[in-house]
N, C-alpha and C. Protein backbone atom coordinates (compact mmCIF):
# COMPACT_ATOMS: atom_id res chain seq x y z
N MET A 1 -27.85 52.49 9.13
CA MET A 1 -28.67 52.20 8.47
C MET A 1 -29.51 51.39 8.34
N ILE A 2 -30.65 51.57 8.15
CA ILE A 2 -31.57 50.38 7.93
C ILE A 2 -32.22 49.88 6.04
N SER A 3 -31.60 48.46 6.21
CA SER A 3 -31.87 48.17 4.58
C SER A 3 -32.53 47.20 4.52
N LEU A 4 -33.37 47.06 3.23
CA LEU A 4 -34.10 45.50 3.28
C LEU A 4 -33.08 44.92 1.75
N ILE A 5 -33.25 43.51 1.74
CA ILE A 5 -32.34 42.99 1.17
C ILE A 5 -32.74 41.93 1.04
N LYS A 6 -32.13 41.12 0.01
CA LYS A 6 -32.97 39.72 -0.81
C LYS A 6 -30.77 38.92 -1.09
N PHE A 7 -31.54 37.87 -1.06
CA PHE A 7 -30.63 36.59 -0.86
C PHE A 7 -30.40 36.06 -2.46
N GLU A 8 -29.57 35.77 -2.89
CA GLU A 8 -30.18 35.25 -4.23
C GLU A 8 -30.90 33.40 -3.83
N LYS A 9 -30.87 33.18 -2.93
CA LYS A 9 -31.64 32.00 -3.39
C LYS A 9 -31.91 31.53 -1.91
N GLU A 10 -33.22 31.22 -1.20
CA GLU A 10 -33.67 30.60 0.14
C GLU A 10 -32.49 29.24 0.46
N LEU A 11 -32.10 30.41 1.98
CA LEU A 11 -31.32 29.56 2.52
C LEU A 11 -31.51 28.60 3.97
N ILE A 12 -31.09 27.74 4.20
CA ILE A 12 -31.45 26.75 5.43
C ILE A 12 -29.73 26.54 6.04
N ILE A 13 -29.87 27.32 7.11
CA ILE A 13 -28.81 27.67 7.65
C ILE A 13 -29.26 27.01 9.71
N PRO A 14 -28.59 26.89 10.42
CA PRO A 14 -29.31 27.10 11.99
C PRO A 14 -29.82 28.12 12.52
N LYS A 15 -30.76 27.45 13.15
CA LYS A 15 -31.39 29.02 13.50
C LYS A 15 -31.05 29.78 14.74
N LYS A 16 -29.55 29.61 15.49
CA LYS A 16 -28.28 30.43 16.03
C LYS A 16 -28.28 31.31 15.24
N GLU A 17 -27.71 31.79 14.08
CA GLU A 17 -27.30 31.63 13.13
C GLU A 17 -28.18 32.81 12.16
N ALA A 18 -29.51 32.13 11.66
CA ALA A 18 -31.03 33.51 11.75
C ALA A 18 -31.51 34.24 12.98
N GLU A 19 -30.73 33.69 14.04
CA GLU A 19 -31.22 34.90 14.36
C GLU A 19 -30.14 35.78 15.03
N SER A 20 -29.10 35.45 14.81
CA SER A 20 -28.02 36.37 15.76
C SER A 20 -27.51 37.64 14.21
N LEU A 21 -28.04 37.04 12.79
CA LEU A 21 -28.28 37.94 11.40
C LEU A 21 -29.87 38.61 11.80
N ASP A 22 -31.00 38.30 12.67
CA ASP A 22 -31.79 38.80 12.25
C ASP A 22 -32.77 39.21 11.30
N LEU A 23 -32.93 37.67 11.15
CA LEU A 23 -33.65 37.57 9.78
C LEU A 23 -34.78 36.39 9.85
N LYS A 24 -35.72 36.72 8.66
CA LYS A 24 -36.91 36.76 9.71
C LYS A 24 -36.94 34.04 9.04
N TYR A 25 -37.63 33.58 9.63
CA TYR A 25 -36.94 32.32 9.29
C TYR A 25 -38.57 31.64 9.66
N VAL A 26 -38.12 30.53 8.75
CA VAL A 26 -39.21 29.12 9.41
C VAL A 26 -38.66 27.96 9.35
N GLU A 27 -39.39 27.56 10.64
CA GLU A 27 -38.74 26.42 10.67
C GLU A 27 -40.03 24.85 10.37
N THR A 28 -38.82 23.88 9.82
CA THR A 28 -39.12 22.84 8.85
C THR A 28 -38.71 22.20 9.42
N ALA A 29 -39.07 20.50 9.17
CA ALA A 29 -38.60 19.29 9.77
C ALA A 29 -38.46 19.14 8.32
N ARG A 30 -38.48 18.89 7.16
CA ARG A 30 -38.45 18.43 5.55
C ARG A 30 -37.26 19.37 5.34
N ILE A 31 -36.06 18.90 5.52
CA ILE A 31 -34.51 19.46 5.10
C ILE A 31 -34.20 18.45 4.58
N GLY A 32 -33.67 18.19 3.38
CA GLY A 32 -32.75 17.47 2.67
C GLY A 32 -31.43 17.86 2.47
N ILE A 33 -30.87 16.78 1.85
CA ILE A 33 -29.99 17.14 1.00
C ILE A 33 -29.04 15.80 0.07
N ARG A 34 -28.76 16.58 -1.32
CA ARG A 34 -28.68 16.47 -3.04
C ARG A 34 -27.19 17.11 -3.66
N ASP A 35 -26.62 16.44 -3.26
CA ASP A 35 -24.81 17.19 -4.02
C ASP A 35 -24.20 17.71 -3.26
N ASN A 36 -24.64 17.53 -2.08
CA ASN A 36 -23.92 18.65 -0.73
C ASN A 36 -24.32 19.46 -0.55
N GLU A 37 -26.38 20.22 -1.52
CA GLU A 37 -26.26 21.46 -1.49
C GLU A 37 -27.81 20.47 -0.22
N ILE A 38 -28.12 21.88 0.83
CA ILE A 38 -29.04 21.55 1.66
C ILE A 38 -30.35 22.35 1.35
N LYS A 39 -31.77 21.92 1.10
CA LYS A 39 -32.83 21.98 0.57
C LYS A 39 -34.05 21.94 1.56
N ARG A 40 -34.65 22.68 1.51
CA ARG A 40 -36.17 22.53 1.97
C ARG A 40 -36.78 21.51 1.00
N LEU A 41 -37.50 20.55 1.27
CA LEU A 41 -38.33 19.89 0.22
C LEU A 41 -39.92 20.58 0.01
N ALA A 42 -40.09 20.45 -1.00
CA ALA A 42 -41.35 21.11 -1.58
C ALA A 42 -42.37 20.23 -1.55
N SER A 43 -43.77 20.28 -1.42
CA SER A 43 -45.00 19.24 -2.02
C SER A 43 -44.83 17.84 -2.41
N TYR A 44 -44.21 18.08 -3.23
CA TYR A 44 -43.98 16.93 -4.78
C TYR A 44 -42.41 16.05 -4.33
N GLU A 45 -41.45 16.91 -3.25
CA GLU A 45 -40.62 16.48 -3.48
C GLU A 45 -40.15 15.30 -1.88
N TYR A 46 -39.09 14.03 -2.10
CA TYR A 46 -39.35 13.46 -1.39
C TYR A 46 -38.26 12.58 -0.18
N PHE A 47 -38.17 12.28 0.40
CA PHE A 47 -36.41 11.71 0.77
C PHE A 47 -36.78 10.41 0.33
N LYS A 48 -35.33 9.45 0.48
CA LYS A 48 -35.45 8.21 -0.15
C LYS A 48 -36.02 7.41 0.75
N ASP A 49 -35.68 7.42 2.42
CA ASP A 49 -36.15 6.34 3.00
C ASP A 49 -38.22 5.98 2.70
N GLU A 50 -38.35 7.47 2.53
CA GLU A 50 -40.18 7.44 1.93
C GLU A 50 -40.45 6.86 0.86
N CYS A 51 -39.92 5.95 0.03
CA CYS A 51 -39.57 5.24 -1.14
C CYS A 51 -39.56 4.20 -0.95
N ILE A 52 -40.24 3.43 -1.81
CA ILE A 52 -39.58 2.17 -2.24
C ILE A 52 -38.77 1.86 -3.15
N GLU A 53 -37.40 0.88 -3.27
CA GLU A 53 -36.69 1.22 -3.95
C GLU A 53 -36.23 -0.16 -4.36
N GLN A 54 -36.39 -0.16 -5.91
CA GLN A 54 -36.22 -1.44 -6.84
C GLN A 54 -35.06 -1.52 -7.01
N ASP A 55 -34.01 -2.16 -7.40
CA ASP A 55 -33.22 -2.03 -8.56
C ASP A 55 -32.65 -0.67 -9.21
N GLY A 56 -31.95 -0.61 -7.64
CA GLY A 56 -31.83 1.34 -8.01
C GLY A 56 -32.67 2.38 -8.15
N LYS A 57 -33.49 2.19 -8.36
CA LYS A 57 -34.95 2.54 -8.63
C LYS A 57 -35.54 3.04 -7.53
N TYR A 58 -36.62 4.18 -7.72
CA TYR A 58 -37.77 4.75 -6.76
C TYR A 58 -38.72 4.82 -6.95
N TYR A 59 -39.33 4.36 -5.80
CA TYR A 59 -40.85 4.28 -6.25
C TYR A 59 -41.93 4.59 -5.23
N ARG A 60 -42.64 5.84 -5.04
CA ARG A 60 -43.17 6.31 -3.87
C ARG A 60 -44.14 5.83 -3.22
N ASN A 61 -44.45 4.73 -3.45
CA ASN A 61 -45.30 3.15 -2.93
C ASN A 61 -45.56 2.20 -3.59
N GLN A 62 -46.04 1.40 -3.07
CA GLN A 62 -46.72 -0.04 -3.91
C GLN A 62 -47.61 -0.19 -5.19
N ALA A 63 -48.24 0.91 -5.23
CA ALA A 63 -49.34 1.49 -6.25
C ALA A 63 -48.47 1.83 -7.39
N ASP A 64 -47.44 3.12 -7.51
CA ASP A 64 -46.24 3.02 -8.13
C ASP A 64 -45.61 2.32 -8.41
N LEU A 65 -45.51 1.16 -7.78
CA LEU A 65 -44.50 0.16 -7.81
C LEU A 65 -44.64 -0.76 -8.93
N ALA A 66 -45.94 -0.92 -8.68
CA ALA A 66 -47.17 -1.89 -9.76
C ALA A 66 -47.30 -1.54 -11.09
N LYS A 67 -47.31 -0.12 -11.07
CA LYS A 67 -47.48 0.48 -12.56
C LYS A 67 -46.19 1.13 -13.52
N GLY A 68 -45.38 0.78 -12.60
CA GLY A 68 -44.16 0.83 -12.64
C GLY A 68 -44.03 2.93 -12.85
N ILE A 69 -44.12 3.44 -12.27
CA ILE A 69 -44.01 4.71 -12.11
C ILE A 69 -43.03 4.92 -11.05
N ILE A 70 -41.88 5.38 -11.74
CA ILE A 70 -40.37 6.49 -11.03
C ILE A 70 -40.42 7.43 -10.27
N LYS A 71 -40.34 7.39 -9.60
CA LYS A 71 -39.80 8.66 -8.64
C LYS A 71 -38.52 9.64 -9.56
N GLU A 72 -38.62 10.22 -10.71
CA GLU A 72 -36.78 10.58 -10.92
C GLU A 72 -35.87 10.77 -9.87
N PHE A 73 -34.55 11.29 -10.65
CA PHE A 73 -33.94 11.77 -9.09
C PHE A 73 -34.24 12.86 -8.43
N TYR A 74 -34.34 13.69 -10.19
CA TYR A 74 -34.37 15.33 -8.60
C TYR A 74 -35.55 15.50 -8.02
N TYR A 75 -36.51 14.35 -8.04
CA TYR A 75 -37.17 14.40 -6.61
C TYR A 75 -37.07 14.27 -5.59
N LEU A 76 -35.92 13.38 -5.21
CA LEU A 76 -34.97 12.50 -4.41
C LEU A 76 -34.07 13.02 -3.45
N PHE A 77 -33.98 13.39 -1.86
CA PHE A 77 -32.92 13.60 -1.10
C PHE A 77 -32.34 12.33 0.01
N ASP A 78 -31.78 13.18 -0.10
CA ASP A 78 -31.35 12.25 1.60
C ASP A 78 -31.73 13.02 2.89
N ARG A 79 -31.84 12.34 4.13
CA ARG A 79 -32.32 13.19 5.02
C ARG A 79 -31.20 13.59 5.49
N TYR A 80 -31.27 14.82 6.07
CA TYR A 80 -30.31 15.87 6.86
C TYR A 80 -30.22 16.06 7.91
N GLU A 81 -29.11 15.05 8.70
CA GLU A 81 -28.98 14.92 9.84
C GLU A 81 -27.83 16.38 10.34
N SER A 82 -28.20 16.50 11.98
CA SER A 82 -27.47 17.38 12.46
C SER A 82 -27.52 17.26 13.78
N GLU A 83 -27.00 18.36 14.58
CA GLU A 83 -26.95 18.36 15.79
C GLU A 83 -27.77 19.93 16.12
N ASN A 84 -27.35 20.66 15.15
CA ASN A 84 -28.22 21.73 15.27
C ASN A 84 -29.42 21.52 14.69
N ASP A 85 -30.20 23.02 15.31
CA ASP A 85 -31.67 23.04 14.60
C ASP A 85 -31.54 24.04 13.36
N TYR A 86 -31.56 23.51 12.63
CA TYR A 86 -31.64 24.01 11.37
C TYR A 86 -33.32 24.79 10.76
N VAL A 87 -33.26 25.96 10.08
CA VAL A 87 -34.07 26.81 9.83
C VAL A 87 -34.19 27.54 8.24
N CYS A 88 -35.46 27.40 7.74
CA CYS A 88 -35.16 28.05 6.04
C CYS A 88 -35.79 29.64 6.61
N VAL A 89 -34.92 30.19 5.97
CA VAL A 89 -35.00 31.62 5.75
C VAL A 89 -35.13 32.02 4.20
N GLU A 90 -36.35 33.34 4.23
CA GLU A 90 -37.09 33.01 2.90
C GLU A 90 -36.29 34.05 1.57
N LYS A 91 -36.34 33.91 0.75
CA LYS A 91 -34.89 34.48 -0.35
C LYS A 91 -35.23 36.02 -0.36
N GLU A 92 -36.70 36.44 0.15
CA GLU A 92 -36.60 38.03 -0.06
C GLU A 92 -37.53 38.40 1.20
N GLY A 93 -37.52 39.80 1.20
CA GLY A 93 -38.38 40.63 2.01
C GLY A 93 -37.63 40.93 3.96
N HIS A 94 -36.05 40.95 4.24
CA HIS A 94 -35.28 41.24 4.77
C HIS A 94 -35.44 42.65 5.69
N LEU A 95 -35.48 43.00 6.75
CA LEU A 95 -34.91 44.84 6.99
C LEU A 95 -33.49 43.64 8.15
N VAL A 96 -32.60 44.92 7.81
CA VAL A 96 -31.82 44.25 8.81
C VAL A 96 -30.44 45.85 8.99
N ASN A 97 -30.04 45.49 10.15
CA ASN A 97 -28.86 46.99 10.36
C ASN A 97 -27.79 46.94 9.90
N PHE A 98 -28.02 47.30 8.83
CA PHE A 98 -26.57 46.87 7.42
C PHE A 98 -24.98 47.27 8.14
N THR A 99 -24.71 47.97 9.15
CA THR A 99 -23.59 47.71 9.98
C THR A 99 -23.64 46.88 10.76
N ILE A 100 -24.76 46.20 11.20
CA ILE A 100 -24.55 45.12 12.67
C ILE A 100 -24.56 43.21 11.72
N PHE A 101 -25.35 43.75 10.20
CA PHE A 101 -25.60 42.51 8.89
C PHE A 101 -24.61 42.21 7.99
N ALA A 102 -23.92 43.63 7.74
CA ALA A 102 -23.27 42.80 6.61
C ALA A 102 -21.91 42.26 6.75
N PRO A 103 -21.22 42.42 8.00
CA PRO A 103 -19.32 42.02 8.63
C PRO A 103 -19.74 40.64 9.14
N LYS A 104 -21.18 39.90 9.45
CA LYS A 104 -21.51 39.20 9.69
C LYS A 104 -22.18 37.59 8.68
N CYS A 105 -22.62 38.70 7.75
CA CYS A 105 -23.38 37.32 6.90
C CYS A 105 -22.44 37.12 5.55
N LYS A 106 -22.45 35.94 5.39
CA LYS A 106 -21.38 34.85 4.42
C LYS A 106 -22.09 34.27 3.39
N TYR A 107 -23.51 34.68 3.42
CA TYR A 107 -24.10 34.49 1.68
C TYR A 107 -24.82 35.52 1.39
N PRO A 108 -24.16 35.75 -0.20
CA PRO A 108 -24.42 36.90 -1.14
C PRO A 108 -25.97 36.96 -0.74
N PHE A 109 -26.26 38.54 -0.96
CA PHE A 109 -27.26 39.41 -1.12
C PHE A 109 -26.50 40.73 -2.07
N SER A 110 -28.54 41.31 -1.83
CA SER A 110 -28.24 42.48 -2.44
C SER A 110 -29.06 43.54 -2.11
N ILE A 111 -28.48 44.81 -2.17
CA ILE A 111 -29.86 45.55 -1.49
C ILE A 111 -30.97 46.32 -2.12
N ILE A 112 -31.88 45.69 -1.80
CA ILE A 112 -33.42 46.86 -2.56
C ILE A 112 -33.38 47.97 -2.09
N GLU A 113 -33.12 48.47 -1.37
CA GLU A 113 -33.19 50.25 -0.54
C GLU A 113 -32.38 49.87 0.92
N SER A 114 -32.23 51.59 1.09
CA SER A 114 -31.93 52.03 3.04
C SER A 114 -31.96 53.55 3.28
N VAL A 115 -32.48 53.04 4.64
CA VAL A 115 -32.37 53.98 4.60
C VAL A 115 -31.61 55.14 5.85
N ALA A 116 -30.96 55.79 6.02
CA ALA A 116 -30.25 55.83 7.60
C ALA A 116 -30.59 56.07 8.69
N SER A 117 -29.93 55.90 9.32
CA SER A 117 -30.57 55.76 10.91
C SER A 117 -29.82 55.99 11.69
N GLN A 118 -30.01 56.79 12.65
CA GLN A 118 -28.63 57.23 14.20
C GLN A 118 -29.46 56.39 14.96
N PRO A 119 -28.06 55.94 15.76
CA PRO A 119 -28.06 55.09 16.83
C PRO A 119 -29.06 55.81 17.78
N ILE A 120 -30.16 55.12 18.67
CA ILE A 120 -31.04 55.32 19.59
C ILE A 120 -30.13 56.55 20.57
N LEU A 121 -29.41 55.88 21.21
CA LEU A 121 -28.54 57.41 21.80
C LEU A 121 -28.08 58.23 21.40
N GLU A 122 -28.26 58.45 20.63
CA GLU A 122 -27.97 60.07 19.51
C GLU A 122 -29.55 60.31 19.78
N ASN A 123 -30.23 59.66 19.34
CA ASN A 123 -31.67 59.81 18.83
C ASN A 123 -32.43 60.69 20.05
N ILE A 124 -32.24 59.72 21.58
CA ILE A 124 -32.65 60.21 22.80
C ILE A 124 -31.69 61.69 23.27
N GLU A 125 -30.83 61.56 23.08
CA GLU A 125 -29.84 63.29 23.66
C GLU A 125 -30.17 63.84 22.41
N SER A 126 -30.29 63.67 21.05
CA SER A 126 -31.19 65.00 20.80
C SER A 126 -32.66 65.32 21.00
N ILE A 127 -33.02 64.48 21.42
CA ILE A 127 -35.00 64.56 21.54
C ILE A 127 -34.60 66.08 23.15
N MET A 128 -33.57 65.20 24.16
CA MET A 128 -33.52 66.12 25.30
C MET A 128 -33.15 67.70 25.28
N GLN A 129 -31.80 67.24 24.10
CA GLN A 129 -31.47 68.69 23.78
C GLN A 129 -32.69 69.58 23.24
N HIS A 130 -33.57 68.67 22.49
CA HIS A 130 -34.42 70.05 21.71
C HIS A 130 -35.57 70.28 22.73
N LEU A 131 -35.98 69.30 23.67
CA LEU A 131 -36.88 69.40 24.71
C LEU A 131 -36.15 70.73 25.86
N GLU A 132 -34.57 70.64 25.86
CA GLU A 132 -33.93 71.97 27.16
C GLU A 132 -34.23 73.05 26.24
N ASN A 133 -34.36 72.59 25.05
CA ASN A 133 -34.44 74.27 23.80
C ASN A 133 -35.59 75.09 24.55
N LYS A 134 -36.76 73.89 24.42
CA LYS A 134 -37.72 74.47 24.23
C LYS A 134 -37.76 75.33 26.14
N SER A 135 -37.77 74.32 26.86
CA SER A 135 -38.22 74.75 28.19
C SER A 135 -36.79 76.28 28.00
N THR A 136 -36.19 76.17 27.81
CA THR A 136 -35.53 77.69 27.82
C THR A 136 -36.15 78.54 27.36
N MET A 137 -36.39 78.37 25.62
CA MET A 137 -37.16 79.46 24.90
C MET A 137 -38.66 79.63 26.11
N LEU A 138 -39.28 78.83 26.84
CA LEU A 138 -40.53 79.22 27.42
C LEU A 138 -40.30 79.89 28.55
N GLU A 139 -38.94 79.69 29.52
CA GLU A 139 -38.46 80.35 30.27
C GLU A 139 -38.33 81.96 30.38
N GLN A 140 -37.23 82.11 29.27
CA GLN A 140 -37.42 83.24 28.49
C GLN A 140 -38.44 84.04 28.00
N LEU A 141 -38.75 84.07 27.43
CA LEU A 141 -40.14 84.02 27.42
C LEU A 141 -41.13 84.59 28.55
N VAL A 142 -41.28 83.97 29.61
CA VAL A 142 -41.85 83.95 30.83
C VAL A 142 -41.46 85.61 31.50
N GLU A 143 -39.97 85.11 31.12
CA GLU A 143 -39.13 86.53 31.62
C GLU A 143 -38.78 87.56 30.66
N ASN A 144 -39.42 87.46 29.73
CA ASN A 144 -40.08 88.80 28.77
C ASN A 144 -41.01 89.71 29.05
N VAL A 145 -42.03 88.76 28.84
CA VAL A 145 -43.16 89.20 29.27
C VAL A 145 -43.07 89.50 30.77
N THR A 146 -42.89 89.28 31.92
CA THR A 146 -42.77 89.73 32.43
C THR A 146 -42.16 91.06 33.33
N ARG A 147 -40.90 91.43 32.79
CA ARG A 147 -39.94 92.47 32.33
C ARG A 147 -40.77 93.67 31.78
N ASN A 148 -42.10 93.27 30.82
CA ASN A 148 -42.15 94.35 30.14
C ASN A 148 -43.41 94.87 30.67
N THR A 149 -44.40 93.65 31.32
CA THR A 149 -45.57 94.46 31.48
C THR A 149 -45.55 94.60 32.66
N PHE A 150 -44.19 94.62 33.72
CA PHE A 150 -44.11 95.25 35.07
C PHE A 150 -43.74 96.49 35.12
N ASN A 151 -43.62 97.24 35.59
CA ASN A 151 -42.18 98.47 36.58
C ASN A 151 -42.72 98.38 37.85
N LYS A 152 -41.31 97.08 37.80
CA LYS A 152 -40.67 97.56 39.22
C LYS A 152 -40.63 98.95 40.17
N LYS A 153 -40.02 99.88 39.78
CA LYS A 153 -39.81 101.44 40.32
C LYS A 153 -40.96 101.76 41.09
N THR A 154 -42.49 101.10 40.08
CA THR A 154 -43.91 102.24 40.47
C THR A 154 -44.54 101.03 40.90
N ASN A 155 -44.12 99.62 40.89
CA ASN A 155 -45.00 98.72 41.66
C ASN A 155 -46.17 98.34 40.45
N VAL A 156 -46.56 99.03 39.47
CA VAL A 156 -47.93 98.94 38.11
C VAL A 156 -47.48 97.89 37.25
N HIS A 157 -48.38 97.18 36.90
CA HIS A 157 -48.34 96.87 35.68
C HIS A 157 -48.17 97.36 33.99
N VAL A 158 -47.71 96.91 32.69
CA VAL A 158 -47.66 98.10 32.19
C VAL A 158 -48.58 97.14 31.01
N GLY A 159 -49.49 98.51 29.75
CA GLY A 159 -49.67 97.17 29.35
C GLY A 159 -49.03 96.57 28.05
N GLY A 160 -49.60 95.69 27.84
CA GLY A 160 -49.14 94.74 26.90
C GLY A 160 -49.84 95.20 25.46
N GLY A 161 -49.12 94.10 24.73
CA GLY A 161 -48.94 94.53 22.90
C GLY A 161 -50.59 94.95 23.16
N LEU A 162 -51.30 94.72 23.13
CA LEU A 162 -52.69 94.54 22.99
C LEU A 162 -53.09 96.32 22.93
N ILE A 163 -52.52 97.17 23.56
CA ILE A 163 -51.99 98.66 23.69
C ILE A 163 -52.30 98.88 22.55
N THR A 164 -51.16 98.75 21.55
CA THR A 164 -51.06 99.10 20.00
C THR A 164 -52.34 99.29 19.73
N THR A 165 -53.03 98.50 20.02
CA THR A 165 -54.52 98.52 18.79
C THR A 165 -55.57 99.73 18.68
N TYR A 166 -55.10 99.95 20.46
CA TYR A 166 -56.68 100.90 21.02
C TYR A 166 -56.20 102.24 20.02
N ASN A 167 -57.36 102.94 19.37
CA ASN A 167 -57.36 104.44 19.04
C ASN A 167 -58.14 105.44 19.65
N ASP A 168 -58.56 104.81 20.39
CA ASP A 168 -59.67 105.54 21.39
C ASP A 168 -59.84 105.35 22.16
N LEU A 169 -59.16 106.70 23.21
CA LEU A 169 -59.55 106.98 24.22
C LEU A 169 -61.15 107.18 25.68
N MET A 170 -60.95 107.43 26.54
CA MET A 170 -62.10 107.63 27.63
C MET A 170 -61.15 107.64 28.63
N LEU A 171 -61.63 108.58 29.64
CA LEU A 171 -60.85 109.22 31.04
C LEU A 171 -62.93 109.44 32.30
N LYS A 172 -62.45 107.94 32.89
CA LYS A 172 -63.51 107.75 33.88
C LYS A 172 -63.31 108.56 35.20
N GLU A 173 -63.91 109.75 35.55
CA GLU A 173 -63.34 110.07 37.01
C GLU A 173 -64.09 109.73 37.92
N ASN A 174 -63.33 109.32 39.20
CA ASN A 174 -64.19 108.87 40.26
C ASN A 174 -65.78 108.04 39.86
N VAL A 175 -65.55 106.94 39.61
CA VAL A 175 -66.20 106.49 38.62
C VAL A 175 -66.58 104.90 39.61
N CYS A 176 -68.30 104.97 40.18
CA CYS A 176 -68.02 103.21 40.85
C CYS A 176 -68.04 102.03 39.37
N THR A 177 -68.21 101.09 40.26
CA THR A 177 -68.09 99.70 39.34
C THR A 177 -69.29 99.32 38.83
N ASP A 178 -70.09 99.96 38.98
CA ASP A 178 -71.22 99.89 38.24
C ASP A 178 -71.12 100.53 37.25
N VAL A 179 -71.10 101.67 36.65
CA VAL A 179 -70.67 102.43 35.64
C VAL A 179 -69.48 102.28 34.89
N LEU A 180 -68.08 101.84 35.37
CA LEU A 180 -67.42 101.08 34.85
C LEU A 180 -67.73 99.60 34.13
N GLN A 181 -68.26 98.98 34.78
CA GLN A 181 -69.07 97.90 34.33
C GLN A 181 -69.85 98.13 32.56
N THR A 182 -70.47 99.24 32.85
CA THR A 182 -71.22 99.60 31.54
C THR A 182 -70.63 99.69 30.51
N GLU A 183 -69.48 100.38 30.48
CA GLU A 183 -68.09 100.98 29.81
C GLU A 183 -67.61 99.93 29.23
N LEU A 184 -67.58 98.56 29.96
CA LEU A 184 -66.84 97.53 29.64
C LEU A 184 -67.70 96.35 28.75
N ASN A 185 -68.94 96.64 28.69
CA ASN A 185 -69.91 95.86 28.06
C ASN A 185 -69.45 96.95 26.76
N ASN A 186 -69.60 97.84 26.95
CA ASN A 186 -69.64 99.24 25.23
C ASN A 186 -68.60 98.44 24.75
N GLY A 187 -67.20 97.57 25.09
CA GLY A 187 -66.22 97.63 24.32
C GLY A 187 -64.83 98.10 24.91
N TRP A 188 -65.24 98.93 25.83
CA TRP A 188 -63.94 99.82 26.00
C TRP A 188 -63.07 98.45 27.08
N ARG A 189 -61.27 99.12 27.44
CA ARG A 189 -60.52 98.31 27.86
C ARG A 189 -60.24 99.12 29.36
N ILE A 190 -59.66 98.73 30.32
CA ILE A 190 -59.39 99.23 31.40
C ILE A 190 -57.27 99.81 30.97
N ILE A 191 -56.87 100.80 30.27
CA ILE A 191 -55.29 100.93 30.51
C ILE A 191 -54.91 101.26 31.46
N ALA A 192 -55.85 102.25 33.01
CA ALA A 192 -54.59 102.43 33.67
C ALA A 192 -55.74 102.84 34.99
N VAL A 193 -55.04 102.69 35.83
CA VAL A 193 -56.14 103.33 37.60
C VAL A 193 -55.46 103.98 38.09
N CYS A 194 -56.14 105.38 38.02
CA CYS A 194 -55.56 106.00 39.02
C CYS A 194 -55.67 106.62 39.73
N VAL A 195 -55.60 105.63 41.21
CA VAL A 195 -56.24 105.99 42.64
C VAL A 195 -55.47 107.49 42.73
N GLN A 196 -56.39 108.95 43.19
CA GLN A 196 -56.50 110.19 43.57
C GLN A 196 -56.38 109.89 45.50
N PRO A 197 -55.68 110.87 45.54
CA PRO A 197 -56.03 110.66 47.11
C PRO A 197 -56.86 111.37 48.03
N ASP A 198 -57.76 112.35 47.12
CA ASP A 198 -58.53 112.43 48.36
C ASP A 198 -60.43 112.33 47.68
N GLN A 199 -60.13 111.67 46.89
CA GLN A 199 -61.65 110.30 46.29
C GLN A 199 -61.62 109.53 46.89
N ARG A 200 -62.77 108.99 46.74
CA ARG A 200 -62.87 107.39 47.62
C ARG A 200 -63.15 106.23 46.28
N ARG A 201 -63.24 106.95 44.75
CA ARG A 201 -63.08 105.75 43.82
C ARG A 201 -61.86 106.68 42.77
N PRO A 202 -61.07 105.09 42.37
CA PRO A 202 -59.98 106.11 41.26
C PRO A 202 -60.59 106.54 40.11
N ASP A 203 -59.76 106.91 39.40
CA ASP A 203 -59.67 107.01 37.61
C ASP A 203 -59.41 106.13 36.89
N TYR A 204 -60.23 105.88 35.72
CA TYR A 204 -60.00 105.11 35.24
C TYR A 204 -59.67 105.92 33.65
N ILE A 205 -58.55 105.41 33.46
CA ILE A 205 -58.27 105.34 31.56
C ILE A 205 -58.62 104.15 31.17
N LEU A 206 -59.30 104.48 29.84
CA LEU A 206 -60.52 103.27 29.30
C LEU A 206 -59.45 103.20 27.58
N GLY A 207 -59.67 102.56 27.08
CA GLY A 207 -59.03 102.70 25.78
C GLY A 207 -59.89 101.38 24.61
N ARG A 208 -59.94 101.38 23.43
CA ARG A 208 -60.86 100.24 22.62
C ARG A 208 -60.25 100.89 21.06
N TYR A 209 -60.72 100.13 20.49
CA TYR A 209 -60.49 99.87 18.70
C TYR A 209 -61.71 100.60 18.31
N ASN A 210 -61.48 101.69 17.51
CA ASN A 210 -62.89 102.00 16.82
C ASN A 210 -62.53 102.08 15.72
N PRO A 211 -63.30 101.18 14.77
CA PRO A 211 -62.81 101.27 13.35
C PRO A 211 -63.20 102.32 12.76
N THR A 212 -64.32 103.10 13.04
CA THR A 212 -64.98 104.09 12.75
C THR A 212 -65.00 105.38 12.92
N LEU A 213 -63.95 105.66 13.60
CA LEU A 213 -63.56 106.65 14.49
C LEU A 213 -62.84 107.76 13.04
N GLU A 214 -63.22 108.99 13.44
CA GLU A 214 -62.91 109.81 13.27
C GLU A 214 -62.13 110.88 13.55
N VAL A 215 -61.36 110.90 12.73
CA VAL A 215 -59.79 112.00 13.51
C VAL A 215 -60.82 113.18 14.03
N ALA A 216 -61.07 113.78 12.53
CA ALA A 216 -61.67 115.35 13.10
C ALA A 216 -62.41 115.48 13.91
N ALA A 217 -63.54 114.04 14.64
CA ALA A 217 -64.57 114.68 14.84
C ALA A 217 -64.62 114.06 16.47
N LYS A 218 -63.20 113.53 16.60
CA LYS A 218 -62.39 113.60 17.74
C LYS A 218 -60.95 113.90 18.65
N GLN A 219 -60.66 114.79 18.63
CA GLN A 219 -59.04 115.11 18.97
C GLN A 219 -58.67 114.60 20.52
N ASP A 220 -59.45 115.06 20.80
CA ASP A 220 -59.49 114.88 22.41
C ASP A 220 -59.87 113.19 22.99
N ALA A 221 -59.01 113.29 24.08
CA ALA A 221 -60.21 112.01 24.94
C ALA A 221 -61.63 112.10 25.59
N GLY A 222 -62.61 111.01 25.45
CA GLY A 222 -63.46 111.42 25.88
C GLY A 222 -63.77 111.52 27.33
N ARG A 223 -64.87 111.49 28.08
CA ARG A 223 -65.20 111.59 29.45
C ARG A 223 -66.05 111.43 29.71
């Protein structure tokens, strides 16, 4: 499950930990500590060793010292020293794999929204199965077309579904290709080629769809 999460506050954690949790982070050198709390310093906050100390009070520079402008305690931090490389993890805007993230995260967070997801392997298997099913359907379709449009006993092709739209038939006997082409130009289509034993050219059964056909006027096939 992929989740958009939000922490209760900005985190300062080791870089390796941020990467193991797959969190977005910002590398920063200005990390301070006060009252055992680690914090990224804002532009108006300072390390104590950056300031001038006098009589237990801290001044930003000599000018502030001369004017008596004290840096308040809540603006001052000690430098945080550690062997680990620390980074800043912002409060919001993290997309995580919740099933991996939740058992490893030790910081308070809330879930903004989540979407279900399948493991990559399952997705691949699903896609491969879908492609295999499509391939099987195409093979079956080709087989059906071949079986339904070819008569193996007589070695002749059988008209397809288009033949059901023809409502006008005509027989052309012993005709040459020029005559046949003329009929094709007039909208007729070849339904069958009938080779005769004693003629030079075959007979043709032609068909077409005639939207103006009057059944009473034409009860027989044309010649």
